[in-house]
Every structure is written in C-alpha cells, then in structure tokens.
C-alpha cells in the first residue's frame, strides 16, 4: 500500500501525498474553490480590485467634497482614506461597485459630519499644528477657497452645508441626498432652501 501511494496509484499522477502508517490517517492538503481559505482569498482579491478601481475614479473628487464639508484638506484626505478602508472591510456585504460607490460617498459625508462635531470641542483646547507641505489637492483647494461662495459655505450649519454641497457640487438628486444624509426629502428641501437664503445674505453683506 505504501508503495502504491508513493507511486500515485490510488491518487492522481505525481501525487506527493505521504503514506499513512498503520493506525494513522494520511494528511491530505485541501485545495480548491470549495475550501473556506480559498474563498476568503478570492473575496479579498475581489475587494482589492474593486477598491482600487473606486480609488482611481473617485479619490480626488471625494477629497474636494470632504474639504468643502470640513474646510480642511488634510482632514478631508484622512476622511476619504478612512472611508475607502471601510468599503474594503465591508466589501463582502456590498459585492457591487455601484452600491459601493454610494456607500463610499455616505461614509465621506458621515465622517465629515463627525469631524465637525468633534472639532467644536477639540479646537477650543488644541494648539494648531505646524504647517505641512501642501498636497496637490490642497493647492487646488486654496484656489477654490478664494471664492466668496466657498468661504461663505463655512458659515452655514453642518446640514445646510452638506445639502448644498451634495446638491450643487456633487450633483445629487433630492432623493439621493436624503438617502446619503439619512433624512427625508422634505428635510433636504428645507436645508437647501435655508442654506441658499443664508448664502445670499452673507454674499450680499460682503458686496
């Protein structure tokens, strides 16, 4: 029997399965798509490919979106990077690149909102960090920040700013904004209307 196993007589040609001694069970390695480890590796590769594609297509626009919400490019970059990590971690549940795109945008908005809430407390007690070398996105945002509209956005409430940015910068519909922010379409209309009124008043005051 040992001789036959060594020659591959009971297994596939060229098999290297070790012969079992009397009273032992041969140690046969498991391979193939039906093995849990193989399935997990395949899912990880799929997640890597999907997130890489999303990153290439959406990273810069999401950084600009987050920067409009938080007013800080360095923080915006962290928000977006954390959002991509969240998409990768939840890929098995998403399993669709279009669905993942919506989830990614929602992550960016939610994390930006959390940053602003946290900043209200922290900014009162923490000294500003030393200036860093600006990234390409930060240089672009410096140009945008010269606009009176961009500056005025920072004077709005968080929800008003989110609604306006998602509506007029990201180009989302009222239904999409409602789904992203977790509010009703009526609330979206309210925040957009109040936000626009506040913007007009601030811009009129600067004229």
N, C-alpha and C. Protein backbone atom coordinates (compact mmCIF):
# COMPACT_ATOMS: atom_id res chain seq x y z
N UNK A 1 0.84 -1.21 0.00
CA UNK A 1 0.00 0.00 0.00
C UNK A 1 0.87 1.25 0.00
N UNK A 2 1.92 1.25 0.84
CA UNK A 2 2.85 2.39 0.88
C UNK A 2 3.47 2.61 -0.47
N UNK A 3 3.83 1.53 -1.14
CA UNK A 3 4.45 1.62 -2.45
C UNK A 3 3.48 2.23 -3.46
N UNK A 4 2.22 1.84 -3.40
CA UNK A 4 1.25 2.35 -4.35
C UNK A 4 0.99 3.84 -4.13
N UNK A 5 0.89 4.26 -2.86
CA UNK A 5 0.68 5.68 -2.58
C UNK A 5 1.86 6.50 -3.04
N UNK A 6 3.04 5.97 -2.83
CA UNK A 6 4.22 6.69 -3.25
C UNK A 6 4.26 6.85 -4.76
N UNK A 7 3.70 5.88 -5.51
CA UNK A 7 3.70 5.94 -6.95
C UNK A 7 2.49 6.69 -7.50
N UNK A 8 1.55 7.05 -6.63
CA UNK A 8 0.35 7.74 -7.09
C UNK A 8 -0.70 6.79 -7.59
N UNK A 9 -0.61 5.50 -7.23
CA UNK A 9 -1.54 4.52 -7.77
C UNK A 9 -2.96 4.77 -7.31
N UNK A 10 -3.16 5.23 -6.05
CA UNK A 10 -4.51 5.44 -5.56
C UNK A 10 -4.93 6.88 -5.70
N UNK A 11 -4.00 7.77 -6.06
CA UNK A 11 -4.32 9.18 -6.21
C UNK A 11 -4.02 9.63 -7.61
N UNK A 12 -3.86 10.92 -7.79
CA UNK A 12 -3.58 11.46 -9.10
C UNK A 12 -2.12 11.25 -9.44
N UNK A 13 -1.76 11.27 -10.73
CA UNK A 13 -0.36 11.08 -11.14
C UNK A 13 0.51 12.15 -10.53
N UNK A 14 1.66 11.74 -10.06
CA UNK A 14 2.61 12.68 -9.48
C UNK A 14 2.23 13.14 -8.09
N UNK A 15 1.24 12.49 -7.47
CA UNK A 15 0.79 12.93 -6.16
C UNK A 15 1.92 12.78 -5.15
N UNK A 16 2.02 13.78 -4.23
CA UNK A 16 3.05 13.75 -3.19
C UNK A 16 2.45 13.49 -1.84
N UNK A 17 1.24 12.93 -1.79
CA UNK A 17 0.59 12.65 -0.52
C UNK A 17 1.39 11.61 0.24
N UNK A 18 1.72 11.90 1.47
CA UNK A 18 2.51 10.97 2.27
C UNK A 18 1.67 9.77 2.64
N UNK A 19 2.32 8.59 2.64
CA UNK A 19 1.62 7.36 3.01
C UNK A 19 1.31 7.36 4.49
N UNK A 20 0.13 6.88 4.83
CA UNK A 20 -0.26 6.78 6.24
C UNK A 20 0.32 5.52 6.84
N UNK A 21 0.83 5.65 8.05
CA UNK A 21 1.29 4.49 8.78
C UNK A 21 0.08 3.76 9.35
N UNK A 22 0.25 2.52 9.74
CA UNK A 22 -0.86 1.78 10.33
C UNK A 22 -1.45 2.53 11.52
N UNK A 23 -2.76 2.69 11.51
CA UNK A 23 -3.44 3.38 12.61
C UNK A 23 -3.46 4.88 12.46
N UNK A 24 -2.89 5.40 11.34
CA UNK A 24 -2.88 6.84 11.11
C UNK A 24 -3.72 7.17 9.89
N UNK A 25 -4.08 8.44 9.78
CA UNK A 25 -4.83 8.92 8.62
C UNK A 25 -3.91 9.79 7.79
N UNK A 26 -3.88 9.55 6.51
CA UNK A 26 -2.99 10.31 5.64
C UNK A 26 -3.35 11.79 5.69
N UNK A 27 -2.33 12.66 5.74
CA UNK A 27 -2.50 14.10 5.78
C UNK A 27 -2.62 14.61 4.35
N UNK A 28 -3.85 14.83 3.89
CA UNK A 28 -4.09 15.26 2.51
C UNK A 28 -4.41 16.75 2.51
N UNK A 29 -3.59 17.60 1.91
CA UNK A 29 -3.87 19.03 1.89
C UNK A 29 -5.13 19.33 1.11
N UNK A 30 -5.90 20.28 1.61
CA UNK A 30 -7.15 20.66 0.95
C UNK A 30 -6.90 21.89 0.09
N UNK A 31 -7.34 21.82 -1.13
CA UNK A 31 -7.21 22.94 -2.05
C UNK A 31 -8.45 23.00 -2.92
N UNK A 32 -8.65 24.18 -3.53
CA UNK A 32 -9.76 24.29 -4.46
C UNK A 32 -10.75 25.33 -4.03
N UNK A 33 -11.65 25.71 -4.94
CA UNK A 33 -12.60 26.80 -4.66
C UNK A 33 -13.58 26.50 -3.56
N UNK A 34 -13.76 25.21 -3.21
CA UNK A 34 -14.72 24.89 -2.17
C UNK A 34 -14.17 25.01 -0.78
N UNK A 35 -12.87 25.26 -0.64
CA UNK A 35 -12.22 25.35 0.66
C UNK A 35 -12.40 26.77 1.20
N UNK A 36 -12.78 26.95 2.48
CA UNK A 36 -13.01 28.29 3.03
C UNK A 36 -11.85 29.24 2.82
N UNK A 37 -10.62 28.78 3.02
CA UNK A 37 -9.47 29.66 2.85
C UNK A 37 -9.35 30.19 1.43
N UNK A 38 -9.67 29.34 0.46
CA UNK A 38 -9.61 29.77 -0.94
C UNK A 38 -10.70 30.79 -1.23
N UNK A 39 -11.89 30.56 -0.66
CA UNK A 39 -12.98 31.52 -0.87
C UNK A 39 -12.64 32.87 -0.27
N UNK A 40 -12.04 32.87 0.93
CA UNK A 40 -11.68 34.12 1.59
C UNK A 40 -10.62 34.87 0.79
N UNK A 41 -9.64 34.13 0.28
CA UNK A 41 -8.59 34.76 -0.52
C UNK A 41 -9.18 35.38 -1.78
N UNK A 42 -10.13 34.66 -2.41
CA UNK A 42 -10.77 35.19 -3.61
C UNK A 42 -11.57 36.44 -3.31
N UNK A 43 -12.28 36.46 -2.17
CA UNK A 43 -13.06 37.64 -1.78
C UNK A 43 -12.14 38.82 -1.50
N UNK A 44 -10.99 38.57 -0.87
CA UNK A 44 -10.04 39.64 -0.58
C UNK A 44 -9.48 40.23 -1.88
N UNK A 45 -9.18 39.37 -2.84
CA UNK A 45 -8.67 39.86 -4.13
C UNK A 45 -9.73 40.70 -4.83
N UNK A 46 -10.98 40.25 -4.77
CA UNK A 46 -12.07 41.00 -5.39
C UNK A 46 -12.23 42.36 -4.74
N UNK A 47 -12.14 42.39 -3.41
CA UNK A 47 -12.24 43.65 -2.69
C UNK A 47 -11.09 44.58 -3.06
N UNK A 48 -9.88 44.04 -3.15
CA UNK A 48 -8.73 44.85 -3.52
C UNK A 48 -8.93 45.50 -4.89
N UNK A 49 -9.39 44.70 -5.86
CA UNK A 49 -9.58 45.21 -7.22
C UNK A 49 -10.67 46.27 -7.27
N UNK A 50 -11.78 46.00 -6.56
CA UNK A 50 -12.90 46.94 -6.56
C UNK A 50 -12.52 48.27 -5.92
N UNK A 51 -11.86 48.21 -4.77
CA UNK A 51 -11.48 49.43 -4.06
C UNK A 51 -10.42 50.20 -4.85
N UNK A 52 -9.52 49.50 -5.51
CA UNK A 52 -8.53 50.17 -6.34
C UNK A 52 -9.20 50.94 -7.48
N UNK A 53 -10.21 50.31 -8.09
CA UNK A 53 -10.93 50.97 -9.18
C UNK A 53 -11.69 52.20 -8.66
N UNK A 54 -12.33 52.06 -7.51
CA UNK A 54 -13.04 53.18 -6.91
C UNK A 54 -12.08 54.31 -6.55
N UNK A 55 -10.93 53.95 -6.01
CA UNK A 55 -9.92 54.94 -5.61
C UNK A 55 -9.46 55.74 -6.83
N UNK A 56 -9.14 55.04 -7.90
CA UNK A 56 -8.67 55.72 -9.11
C UNK A 56 -9.70 56.68 -9.66
N UNK A 57 -10.96 56.28 -9.63
CA UNK A 57 -12.02 57.08 -10.23
C UNK A 57 -12.52 58.21 -9.34
N UNK A 58 -12.57 57.99 -8.02
CA UNK A 58 -13.28 58.92 -7.15
C UNK A 58 -12.44 59.65 -6.10
N UNK A 59 -11.20 59.26 -5.90
CA UNK A 59 -10.44 59.80 -4.77
C UNK A 59 -10.38 61.33 -4.78
N UNK A 60 -9.95 61.91 -5.87
CA UNK A 60 -9.76 63.37 -5.90
C UNK A 60 -11.08 64.12 -5.71
N UNK A 61 -12.13 63.66 -6.37
CA UNK A 61 -13.42 64.35 -6.23
C UNK A 61 -13.97 64.21 -4.82
N UNK A 62 -13.72 63.06 -4.18
CA UNK A 62 -14.19 62.88 -2.80
C UNK A 62 -13.40 63.74 -1.83
N UNK A 63 -12.11 63.93 -2.08
CA UNK A 63 -11.31 64.82 -1.23
C UNK A 63 -11.84 66.24 -1.34
N UNK A 64 -12.15 66.68 -2.56
CA UNK A 64 -12.70 68.02 -2.73
C UNK A 64 -14.06 68.15 -2.04
N UNK A 65 -14.88 67.10 -2.16
CA UNK A 65 -16.18 67.09 -1.49
C UNK A 65 -16.01 67.20 0.02
N UNK A 66 -15.13 66.38 0.58
CA UNK A 66 -14.91 66.39 2.03
C UNK A 66 -14.31 67.73 2.47
N UNK A 67 -13.43 68.30 1.65
CA UNK A 67 -12.81 69.58 2.01
C UNK A 67 -13.84 70.70 2.05
N UNK A 68 -14.83 70.65 1.16
CA UNK A 68 -15.90 71.63 1.21
C UNK A 68 -16.73 71.48 2.47
N UNK A 69 -16.82 70.25 2.98
CA UNK A 69 -17.62 70.00 4.17
C UNK A 69 -16.87 70.35 5.46
N UNK A 70 -15.58 70.02 5.50
CA UNK A 70 -14.82 70.23 6.75
C UNK A 70 -13.93 71.46 6.71
N UNK A 71 -13.71 72.02 5.51
CA UNK A 71 -12.89 73.21 5.39
C UNK A 71 -11.41 73.00 5.63
N UNK A 72 -10.93 71.78 5.47
CA UNK A 72 -9.55 71.44 5.80
C UNK A 72 -9.14 70.26 4.92
N UNK A 73 -8.21 70.50 4.01
CA UNK A 73 -7.84 69.46 3.05
C UNK A 73 -7.15 68.27 3.72
N UNK A 74 -6.26 68.55 4.68
CA UNK A 74 -5.56 67.44 5.35
C UNK A 74 -6.56 66.52 6.05
N UNK A 75 -7.54 67.11 6.74
CA UNK A 75 -8.57 66.29 7.39
C UNK A 75 -9.42 65.59 6.35
N UNK A 76 -9.72 66.29 5.26
CA UNK A 76 -10.53 65.70 4.19
C UNK A 76 -9.85 64.45 3.62
N UNK A 77 -8.54 64.51 3.44
CA UNK A 77 -7.81 63.35 2.93
C UNK A 77 -7.93 62.16 3.90
N UNK A 78 -7.83 62.45 5.20
CA UNK A 78 -7.97 61.38 6.20
C UNK A 78 -9.38 60.79 6.17
N UNK A 79 -10.38 61.65 6.05
CA UNK A 79 -11.76 61.20 5.99
C UNK A 79 -11.98 60.26 4.80
N UNK A 80 -11.45 60.65 3.65
CA UNK A 80 -11.63 59.84 2.44
C UNK A 80 -10.88 58.52 2.55
N UNK A 81 -9.66 58.56 3.06
CA UNK A 81 -8.89 57.33 3.21
C UNK A 81 -9.58 56.36 4.17
N UNK A 82 -10.10 56.88 5.28
CA UNK A 82 -10.83 56.03 6.22
C UNK A 82 -12.08 55.44 5.56
N UNK A 83 -12.70 56.20 4.69
CA UNK A 83 -13.91 55.73 4.00
C UNK A 83 -13.57 54.59 3.04
N UNK A 84 -12.44 54.68 2.36
CA UNK A 84 -12.03 53.58 1.48
C UNK A 84 -11.73 52.32 2.30
N UNK A 85 -11.12 52.49 3.46
CA UNK A 85 -10.86 51.35 4.34
C UNK A 85 -12.18 50.69 4.74
N UNK A 86 -13.19 51.51 5.04
CA UNK A 86 -14.49 50.98 5.44
C UNK A 86 -15.14 50.21 4.30
N UNK A 87 -15.02 50.71 3.07
CA UNK A 87 -15.57 50.00 1.92
C UNK A 87 -14.89 48.65 1.75
N UNK A 88 -13.57 48.62 1.89
CA UNK A 88 -12.84 47.35 1.75
C UNK A 88 -13.28 46.36 2.82
N UNK A 89 -13.44 46.84 4.05
CA UNK A 89 -13.83 45.96 5.15
C UNK A 89 -15.23 45.40 4.97
N UNK A 90 -16.10 46.15 4.28
CA UNK A 90 -17.49 45.74 4.12
C UNK A 90 -17.80 45.22 2.73
N UNK A 91 -16.75 44.90 1.95
CA UNK A 91 -16.98 44.52 0.56
C UNK A 91 -17.84 43.26 0.42
N UNK A 92 -17.67 42.31 1.31
CA UNK A 92 -18.46 41.07 1.18
C UNK A 92 -19.94 41.34 1.33
N UNK A 93 -20.28 42.40 2.05
CA UNK A 93 -21.69 42.75 2.19
C UNK A 93 -22.17 43.58 1.01
N UNK A 94 -21.28 44.38 0.44
CA UNK A 94 -21.67 45.25 -0.68
C UNK A 94 -21.71 44.47 -1.99
N UNK A 95 -20.59 43.85 -2.35
CA UNK A 95 -20.50 42.98 -3.53
C UNK A 95 -20.97 43.63 -4.83
N UNK A 96 -20.90 44.97 -4.91
CA UNK A 96 -21.34 45.64 -6.13
C UNK A 96 -20.66 47.01 -6.16
N UNK A 97 -19.97 47.31 -7.26
CA UNK A 97 -19.16 48.52 -7.29
C UNK A 97 -20.02 49.77 -7.30
N UNK A 98 -21.22 49.71 -7.92
CA UNK A 98 -22.11 50.87 -7.91
C UNK A 98 -22.66 51.11 -6.51
N UNK A 99 -23.07 50.03 -5.86
CA UNK A 99 -23.55 50.15 -4.48
C UNK A 99 -22.43 50.63 -3.57
N UNK A 100 -21.22 50.15 -3.82
CA UNK A 100 -20.07 50.57 -3.01
C UNK A 100 -19.78 52.05 -3.20
N UNK A 101 -20.03 52.57 -4.41
CA UNK A 101 -19.81 54.00 -4.65
C UNK A 101 -20.72 54.86 -3.79
N UNK A 102 -21.98 54.47 -3.68
CA UNK A 102 -22.91 55.20 -2.82
C UNK A 102 -22.54 55.08 -1.36
N UNK A 103 -22.12 53.87 -0.96
CA UNK A 103 -21.70 53.66 0.43
C UNK A 103 -20.46 54.49 0.74
N UNK A 104 -19.56 54.59 -0.23
CA UNK A 104 -18.34 55.37 -0.05
C UNK A 104 -18.66 56.85 0.15
N UNK A 105 -19.53 57.38 -0.68
CA UNK A 105 -19.91 58.79 -0.54
C UNK A 105 -20.59 59.04 0.80
N UNK A 106 -21.44 58.10 1.21
CA UNK A 106 -22.11 58.26 2.50
C UNK A 106 -21.11 58.23 3.65
N UNK A 107 -20.10 57.37 3.54
CA UNK A 107 -19.04 57.33 4.56
C UNK A 107 -18.33 58.68 4.66
N UNK A 108 -18.03 59.27 3.51
CA UNK A 108 -17.34 60.56 3.49
C UNK A 108 -18.18 61.63 4.18
N UNK A 109 -19.48 61.67 3.86
CA UNK A 109 -20.36 62.67 4.46
C UNK A 109 -20.49 62.44 5.97
N UNK A 110 -20.71 61.19 6.36
CA UNK A 110 -20.88 60.89 7.79
C UNK A 110 -19.62 61.19 8.58
N UNK A 111 -18.46 60.81 8.04
CA UNK A 111 -17.21 61.08 8.74
C UNK A 111 -16.91 62.57 8.80
N UNK A 112 -17.26 63.30 7.74
CA UNK A 112 -17.07 64.75 7.76
C UNK A 112 -17.95 65.38 8.84
N UNK A 113 -19.17 64.90 8.95
CA UNK A 113 -20.09 65.40 9.97
C UNK A 113 -19.54 65.12 11.37
N UNK A 114 -18.97 63.94 11.57
CA UNK A 114 -18.39 63.59 12.87
C UNK A 114 -17.19 64.47 13.19
N UNK A 115 -16.39 64.75 12.17
CA UNK A 115 -15.23 65.63 12.37
C UNK A 115 -15.67 67.00 12.85
N UNK A 116 -16.71 67.54 12.23
CA UNK A 116 -17.17 68.87 12.60
C UNK A 116 -17.72 68.90 14.02
N UNK A 117 -18.47 67.87 14.38
CA UNK A 117 -19.00 67.81 15.75
C UNK A 117 -17.86 67.71 16.76
N UNK A 118 -16.87 66.90 16.44
CA UNK A 118 -15.74 66.73 17.36
C UNK A 118 -14.90 68.00 17.44
N UNK A 119 -14.79 68.68 16.32
CA UNK A 119 -13.94 69.87 16.26
C UNK A 119 -14.47 71.00 17.13
N UNK A 120 -15.78 71.07 17.29
CA UNK A 120 -16.38 72.12 18.12
C UNK A 120 -15.77 72.12 19.52
N UNK A 121 -15.51 70.93 20.04
CA UNK A 121 -14.94 70.81 21.38
C UNK A 121 -13.43 70.89 21.35
N UNK A 122 -12.82 70.13 20.45
CA UNK A 122 -11.36 69.99 20.44
C UNK A 122 -10.65 71.27 20.06
N UNK A 123 -11.19 72.00 19.07
CA UNK A 123 -10.50 73.20 18.58
C UNK A 123 -10.33 74.27 19.65
N UNK A 124 -11.11 74.20 20.72
CA UNK A 124 -11.00 75.20 21.77
C UNK A 124 -9.77 74.96 22.65
N UNK A 125 -9.26 73.74 22.63
CA UNK A 125 -8.19 73.39 23.58
C UNK A 125 -6.89 72.94 22.94
N UNK A 126 -6.89 72.73 21.64
CA UNK A 126 -5.70 72.19 20.98
C UNK A 126 -5.05 73.28 20.15
N UNK A 127 -3.72 73.42 20.30
CA UNK A 127 -2.98 74.39 19.50
C UNK A 127 -2.96 73.95 18.05
N UNK A 128 -2.97 74.88 17.11
CA UNK A 128 -2.94 74.50 15.69
C UNK A 128 -1.64 73.78 15.35
N UNK A 129 -1.68 72.77 14.49
CA UNK A 129 -0.46 72.04 14.12
C UNK A 129 0.44 72.90 13.25
N UNK A 130 1.74 72.57 13.21
CA UNK A 130 2.66 73.32 12.34
C UNK A 130 2.27 73.14 10.89
N UNK A 131 2.55 74.12 10.03
CA UNK A 131 2.19 74.00 8.61
C UNK A 131 2.90 72.83 7.95
N UNK A 132 2.18 72.13 7.12
CA UNK A 132 2.74 70.98 6.40
C UNK A 132 2.92 71.34 4.93
N UNK A 133 3.70 70.51 4.23
CA UNK A 133 3.88 70.71 2.80
C UNK A 133 2.55 70.44 2.11
N UNK A 134 2.01 71.39 1.36
CA UNK A 134 0.68 71.20 0.76
C UNK A 134 0.70 70.13 -0.33
N UNK A 135 -0.40 69.36 -0.38
CA UNK A 135 -0.55 68.36 -1.43
C UNK A 135 -1.16 69.02 -2.66
N UNK A 136 -1.27 68.25 -3.74
CA UNK A 136 -1.89 68.79 -4.96
C UNK A 136 -3.33 69.19 -4.70
N UNK A 137 -4.04 68.36 -3.91
CA UNK A 137 -5.44 68.67 -3.59
C UNK A 137 -5.53 69.96 -2.78
N UNK A 138 -4.57 70.15 -1.86
CA UNK A 138 -4.61 71.34 -1.02
C UNK A 138 -4.35 72.59 -1.85
N UNK A 139 -3.45 72.51 -2.82
CA UNK A 139 -3.19 73.65 -3.69
C UNK A 139 -4.44 74.00 -4.48
N UNK A 140 -5.15 72.96 -4.95
CA UNK A 140 -6.38 73.21 -5.69
C UNK A 140 -7.44 73.85 -4.80
N UNK A 141 -7.51 73.40 -3.54
CA UNK A 141 -8.50 73.96 -2.63
C UNK A 141 -8.17 75.40 -2.26
N UNK A 142 -6.89 75.77 -2.27
CA UNK A 142 -6.53 77.15 -1.99
C UNK A 142 -7.11 78.08 -3.05
N UNK A 143 -7.10 77.58 -4.30
CA UNK A 143 -7.70 78.37 -5.36
C UNK A 143 -9.21 78.49 -5.16
N UNK A 144 -9.84 77.36 -4.80
CA UNK A 144 -11.28 77.38 -4.58
C UNK A 144 -11.66 78.27 -3.40
N UNK A 145 -10.81 78.27 -2.36
CA UNK A 145 -11.15 79.00 -1.14
C UNK A 145 -11.16 80.50 -1.35
N UNK A 146 -10.59 80.98 -2.47
CA UNK A 146 -10.62 82.40 -2.75
C UNK A 146 -12.03 82.86 -3.15
N UNK A 147 -12.85 81.92 -3.52
CA UNK A 147 -14.21 82.26 -3.90
C UNK A 147 -15.00 82.65 -2.66
N UNK A 148 -15.76 83.72 -2.77
CA UNK A 148 -16.58 84.16 -1.64
C UNK A 148 -17.62 83.11 -1.28
N UNK A 149 -18.10 82.36 -2.30
CA UNK A 149 -19.10 81.34 -2.04
C UNK A 149 -18.52 80.23 -1.17
N UNK A 150 -17.31 79.80 -1.49
CA UNK A 150 -16.67 78.74 -0.71
C UNK A 150 -16.46 79.19 0.72
N UNK A 151 -16.01 80.42 0.90
CA UNK A 151 -15.81 80.93 2.26
C UNK A 151 -17.13 81.02 3.01
N UNK A 152 -18.17 81.45 2.32
CA UNK A 152 -19.48 81.59 2.96
C UNK A 152 -20.06 80.25 3.37
N UNK A 153 -19.73 79.19 2.63
CA UNK A 153 -20.23 77.86 2.98
C UNK A 153 -19.86 77.48 4.41
N UNK A 154 -18.68 77.91 4.85
CA UNK A 154 -18.23 77.55 6.19
C UNK A 154 -19.03 78.24 7.28
N UNK A 155 -19.81 79.26 6.89
CA UNK A 155 -20.63 79.94 7.87
C UNK A 155 -22.01 79.34 8.03
N UNK A 156 -22.32 78.31 7.25
CA UNK A 156 -23.61 77.65 7.33
C UNK A 156 -23.60 76.57 8.40
N UNK A 157 -24.78 76.11 8.76
CA UNK A 157 -24.85 74.95 9.65
C UNK A 157 -24.35 73.73 8.90
N UNK A 158 -23.99 72.70 9.64
CA UNK A 158 -23.44 71.49 9.03
C UNK A 158 -24.41 70.89 8.02
N UNK A 159 -25.68 70.77 8.38
CA UNK A 159 -26.67 70.16 7.49
C UNK A 159 -26.92 71.02 6.25
N UNK A 160 -26.97 72.33 6.43
CA UNK A 160 -27.17 73.20 5.27
C UNK A 160 -25.99 73.07 4.30
N UNK A 161 -24.79 73.06 4.85
CA UNK A 161 -23.59 72.94 4.01
C UNK A 161 -23.58 71.60 3.28
N UNK A 162 -23.90 70.53 4.00
CA UNK A 162 -23.93 69.21 3.37
C UNK A 162 -24.95 69.17 2.24
N UNK A 163 -26.15 69.69 2.49
CA UNK A 163 -27.20 69.65 1.48
C UNK A 163 -26.81 70.43 0.23
N UNK A 164 -26.24 71.62 0.43
CA UNK A 164 -25.85 72.44 -0.72
C UNK A 164 -24.69 71.83 -1.50
N UNK A 165 -23.70 71.32 -0.78
CA UNK A 165 -22.54 70.73 -1.46
C UNK A 165 -22.95 69.49 -2.25
N UNK A 166 -23.78 68.64 -1.64
CA UNK A 166 -24.21 67.43 -2.34
C UNK A 166 -25.12 67.76 -3.52
N UNK A 167 -25.92 68.84 -3.38
CA UNK A 167 -26.84 69.20 -4.47
C UNK A 167 -26.13 69.87 -5.61
N UNK A 168 -25.31 70.87 -5.32
CA UNK A 168 -24.75 71.71 -6.39
C UNK A 168 -23.31 71.38 -6.75
N UNK A 169 -22.59 70.71 -5.86
CA UNK A 169 -21.23 70.28 -6.22
C UNK A 169 -21.23 68.84 -6.70
N UNK A 170 -21.81 67.94 -5.89
CA UNK A 170 -21.83 66.52 -6.27
C UNK A 170 -22.92 66.23 -7.29
N UNK A 171 -23.91 67.12 -7.43
CA UNK A 171 -24.95 66.92 -8.43
C UNK A 171 -25.95 65.83 -8.09
N UNK A 172 -26.15 65.56 -6.80
CA UNK A 172 -27.09 64.51 -6.39
C UNK A 172 -28.52 65.04 -6.42
N UNK A 173 -29.46 64.12 -6.64
CA UNK A 173 -30.87 64.47 -6.59
C UNK A 173 -31.31 64.60 -5.13
N UNK A 174 -32.52 65.12 -4.92
CA UNK A 174 -33.04 65.23 -3.56
C UNK A 174 -33.15 63.86 -2.91
N UNK A 175 -33.58 62.87 -3.69
CA UNK A 175 -33.71 61.51 -3.16
C UNK A 175 -32.36 60.95 -2.76
N UNK A 176 -31.34 61.18 -3.58
CA UNK A 176 -30.00 60.68 -3.27
C UNK A 176 -29.43 61.38 -2.04
N UNK A 177 -29.66 62.68 -1.93
CA UNK A 177 -29.17 63.41 -0.75
C UNK A 177 -29.86 62.90 0.50
N UNK A 178 -31.18 62.68 0.40
CA UNK A 178 -31.93 62.16 1.54
C UNK A 178 -31.38 60.82 2.00
N UNK A 179 -31.07 59.94 1.02
CA UNK A 179 -30.53 58.62 1.37
C UNK A 179 -29.13 58.75 1.97
N UNK A 180 -28.33 59.65 1.45
CA UNK A 180 -26.96 59.83 1.94
C UNK A 180 -26.93 60.38 3.35
N UNK A 181 -27.79 61.36 3.63
CA UNK A 181 -27.79 62.00 4.93
C UNK A 181 -28.72 61.32 5.93
N UNK A 182 -29.55 60.39 5.45
CA UNK A 182 -30.47 59.71 6.35
C UNK A 182 -31.60 60.60 6.83
N UNK A 183 -32.07 61.49 5.95
CA UNK A 183 -33.17 62.39 6.29
C UNK A 183 -34.22 62.31 5.20
N UNK A 184 -35.35 62.96 5.40
CA UNK A 184 -36.42 62.92 4.42
C UNK A 184 -36.14 63.90 3.27
N UNK A 185 -36.86 63.71 2.14
CA UNK A 185 -36.71 64.64 1.02
C UNK A 185 -37.20 66.03 1.41
N UNK A 186 -38.23 66.07 2.26
CA UNK A 186 -38.72 67.37 2.73
C UNK A 186 -37.65 68.11 3.51
N UNK A 187 -36.89 67.37 4.32
CA UNK A 187 -35.81 67.99 5.09
C UNK A 187 -34.71 68.49 4.16
N UNK A 188 -34.44 67.72 3.10
CA UNK A 188 -33.44 68.15 2.12
C UNK A 188 -33.85 69.49 1.51
N UNK A 189 -35.11 69.58 1.08
CA UNK A 189 -35.60 70.84 0.50
C UNK A 189 -35.46 71.99 1.50
N UNK A 190 -35.77 71.70 2.76
CA UNK A 190 -35.68 72.72 3.79
C UNK A 190 -34.24 73.22 3.95
N UNK A 191 -33.28 72.28 4.07
CA UNK A 191 -31.88 72.68 4.27
C UNK A 191 -31.32 73.40 3.04
N UNK A 192 -31.69 72.95 1.85
CA UNK A 192 -31.22 73.62 0.64
C UNK A 192 -31.78 75.04 0.56
N UNK A 193 -33.07 75.18 0.83
CA UNK A 193 -33.69 76.49 0.76
C UNK A 193 -33.12 77.45 1.81
N UNK A 194 -33.02 76.98 3.06
CA UNK A 194 -32.48 77.83 4.12
C UNK A 194 -31.00 78.14 3.88
N UNK A 195 -30.27 77.14 3.39
CA UNK A 195 -28.86 77.35 3.10
C UNK A 195 -28.64 78.38 2.01
N UNK A 196 -29.44 78.31 0.94
CA UNK A 196 -29.31 79.28 -0.15
C UNK A 196 -29.65 80.68 0.33
N UNK A 197 -30.69 80.79 1.17
CA UNK A 197 -31.07 82.10 1.70
C UNK A 197 -29.94 82.69 2.56
N UNK A 198 -29.33 81.82 3.39
CA UNK A 198 -28.23 82.28 4.24
C UNK A 198 -27.02 82.69 3.40
N UNK A 199 -26.73 81.92 2.35
CA UNK A 199 -25.62 82.26 1.46
C UNK A 199 -25.83 83.61 0.80
N UNK A 200 -27.05 83.81 0.28
CA UNK A 200 -27.34 85.09 -0.39
C UNK A 200 -27.16 86.26 0.58
N UNK A 201 -27.62 86.05 1.81
CA UNK A 201 -27.49 87.13 2.79
C UNK A 201 -26.02 87.43 3.10
N UNK A 202 -25.22 86.38 3.27
CA UNK A 202 -23.80 86.59 3.55
C UNK A 202 -23.07 87.24 2.38
N UNK A 203 -23.38 86.80 1.18
CA UNK A 203 -22.72 87.36 0.00
C UNK A 203 -23.15 88.79 -0.25
N UNK A 204 -24.42 89.09 0.05
CA UNK A 204 -24.89 90.45 -0.10
C UNK A 204 -24.20 91.38 0.90
N UNK A 205 -23.91 90.86 2.08
CA UNK A 205 -23.22 91.65 3.09
C UNK A 205 -21.78 91.94 2.74
N UNK A 206 -21.17 91.07 1.91
CA UNK A 206 -19.78 91.26 1.52
C UNK A 206 -19.65 92.11 0.27
N UNK A 207 -20.77 92.30 -0.43
CA UNK A 207 -20.72 93.04 -1.71
C UNK A 207 -20.46 94.53 -1.46
